[in-house]
C-alpha atoms as a PDB file:
ATOM      1  CA  UNK A   1     266.227  41.116-210.223  1.00  0.00           C
ATOM      2  CA  UNK A   2     262.888  39.339-210.724  1.00  0.00           C
ATOM      3  CA  UNK A   3     260.857  42.796-211.354  1.00  0.00           C
ATOM      4  CA  UNK A   4     263.565  43.969-213.538  1.00  0.00           C
ATOM      5  CA  UNK A   5     263.393  41.049-215.697  1.00  0.00           C
ATOM      6  CA  UNK A   6     259.631  41.444-215.726  1.00  0.00           C
ATOM      7  CA  UNK A   7     259.926  44.845-216.761  1.00  0.00           C
ATOM      8  CA  UNK A   8     261.971  44.071-219.727  1.00  0.00           C
ATOM      9  CA  UNK A   9     259.501  41.781-220.915  1.00  0.00           C
ATOM     10  CA  UNK A  10     256.613  44.161-220.600  1.00  0.00           C
ATOM     11  CA  UNK A  11     258.504  46.588-222.699  1.00  0.00           C
ATOM     12  CA  UNK A  12     258.418  44.207-225.671  1.00  0.00           C
ATOM     13  CA  UNK A  13     254.762  45.170-225.747  1.00  0.00           C
ATOM     14  CA  UNK A  14     256.014  48.418-227.684  1.00  0.00           C
ATOM     15  CA  UNK A  15     257.688  46.348-230.347  1.00  0.00           C
ATOM     16  CA  UNK A  16     254.265  44.432-231.143  1.00  0.00           C
ATOM     17  CA  UNK A  17     252.620  47.783-231.191  1.00  0.00           C
ATOM     18  CA  UNK A  18     255.154  49.452-233.593  1.00  0.00           C
ATOM     19  CA  UNK A  19     254.989  46.432-235.955  1.00  0.00           C
ATOM     20  CA  UNK A  20     251.078  46.646-235.958  1.00  0.00           C
ATOM     21  CA  UNK A  21     251.176  50.032-236.624  1.00  0.00           C
ATOM     22  CA  UNK A  22     253.559  49.841-239.559  1.00  0.00           C
ATOM     23  CA  UNK A  23     251.324  47.084-241.047  1.00  0.00           C
ATOM     24  CA  UNK A  24     248.017  49.220-240.503  1.00  0.00           C
ATOM     25  CA  UNK A  25     249.689  52.228-242.202  1.00  0.00           C
ATOM     26  CA  UNK A  26     250.852  50.391-245.207  1.00  0.00           C
ATOM     27  CA  UNK A  27     247.472  48.522-245.666  1.00  0.00           C
ATOM     28  CA  UNK A  28     245.721  52.019-245.055  1.00  0.00           C
ATOM     29  CA  UNK A  29     248.047  53.555-247.841  1.00  0.00           C
ATOM     30  CA  UNK A  30     247.126  50.620-250.192  1.00  0.00           C
ATOM     31  CA  UNK A  31     243.363  50.788-249.546  1.00  0.00           C
ATOM     32  CA  UNK A  32     243.172  54.599-250.020  1.00  0.00           C
ATOM     33  CA  UNK A  33     245.176  54.184-253.451  1.00  0.00           C
ATOM     34  CA  UNK A  34     242.638  51.588-254.518  1.00  0.00           C
ATOM     35  CA  UNK A  35     239.753  53.700-253.344  1.00  0.00           C
ATOM     36  CA  UNK A  36     240.307  57.499-252.881  1.00  0.00           C
ATOM     37  CA  UNK A  37     236.689  58.265-252.547  1.00  0.00           C
ATOM     38  CA  UNK A  38     236.548  56.146-249.645  1.00  0.00           C
ATOM     39  CA  UNK A  39     239.736  57.948-247.610  1.00  0.00           C
ATOM     40  CA  UNK A  40     237.594  59.257-244.900  1.00  0.00           C
ATOM     41  CA  UNK A  41     235.953  56.134-243.701  1.00  0.00           C
ATOM     42  CA  UNK A  42     239.360  54.352-244.220  1.00  0.00           C
ATOM     43  CA  UNK A  43     241.483  56.999-242.088  1.00  0.00           C
ATOM     44  CA  UNK A  44     238.657  56.858-239.487  1.00  0.00           C
ATOM     45  CA  UNK A  45     239.038  52.954-238.932  1.00  0.00           C
ATOM     46  CA  UNK A  46     242.655  53.535-239.446  1.00  0.00           C
ATOM     47  CA  UNK A  47     242.987  56.047-236.488  1.00  0.00           C
ATOM     48  CA  UNK A  48     240.795  53.619-234.405  1.00  0.00           C
ATOM     49  CA  UNK A  49     243.135  50.916-234.971  1.00  0.00           C
ATOM     50  CA  UNK A  50     246.342  52.881-234.082  1.00  0.00           C
ATOM     51  CA  UNK A  51     244.682  53.998-230.896  1.00  0.00           C
ATOM     52  CA  UNK A  52     244.091  50.296-229.905  1.00  0.00           C
ATOM     53  CA  UNK A  53     247.506  49.252-230.822  1.00  0.00           C
ATOM     54  CA  UNK A  54     249.017  52.362-228.956  1.00  0.00           C
ATOM     55  CA  UNK A  55     247.144  51.566-225.913  1.00  0.00           C
ATOM     56  CA  UNK A  56     248.828  48.135-225.668  1.00  0.00           C
ATOM     57  CA  UNK A  57     252.171  49.707-225.673  1.00  0.00           C
ATOM     58  CA  UNK A  58     251.215  52.354-223.097  1.00  0.00           C
ATOM     59  CA  UNK A  59     249.882  49.405-221.054  1.00  0.00           C
ATOM     60  CA  UNK A  60     253.201  47.550-221.283  1.00  0.00           C
ATOM     61  CA  UNK A  61     255.278  50.736-220.698  1.00  0.00           C
ATOM     62  CA  UNK A  62     252.883  51.127-217.526  1.00  0.00           C
ATOM     63  CA  UNK A  63     253.626  47.731-216.279  1.00  0.00           C
ATOM     64  CA  UNK A  64     257.318  48.182-216.987  1.00  0.00           C
ATOM     65  CA  UNK A  65     257.719  51.185-214.688  1.00  0.00           C
ATOM     66  CA  UNK A  66     255.549  49.851-212.134  1.00  0.00           C
ATOM     67  CA  UNK A  67     257.896  46.682-211.969  1.00  0.00           C
ATOM     68  CA  UNK A  68     260.967  48.810-212.288  1.00  0.00           C
ATOM     69  CA  UNK A  69     259.843  50.936-209.218  1.00  0.00           C
ATOM     70  CA  UNK A  70     259.021  47.797-207.280  1.00  0.00           C
ATOM     71  CA  UNK A  71     262.446  46.234-207.965  1.00  0.00           C
END
């Protein structure tokens, strides 16, 4: 039972990633609307941030799968 509870908690990492990606998307849209000529640079930083945020969700998912298979 313990590993299953840990797996459920590990999945919560996806929640944080989703919130972070949503905030980043909103701020990116705002930044591009203020400075359209810098859209290329803004999008590059945006995609890097999205990749890092998504990586945390993937790590949480992998930990959840490993804990589930253990229990």
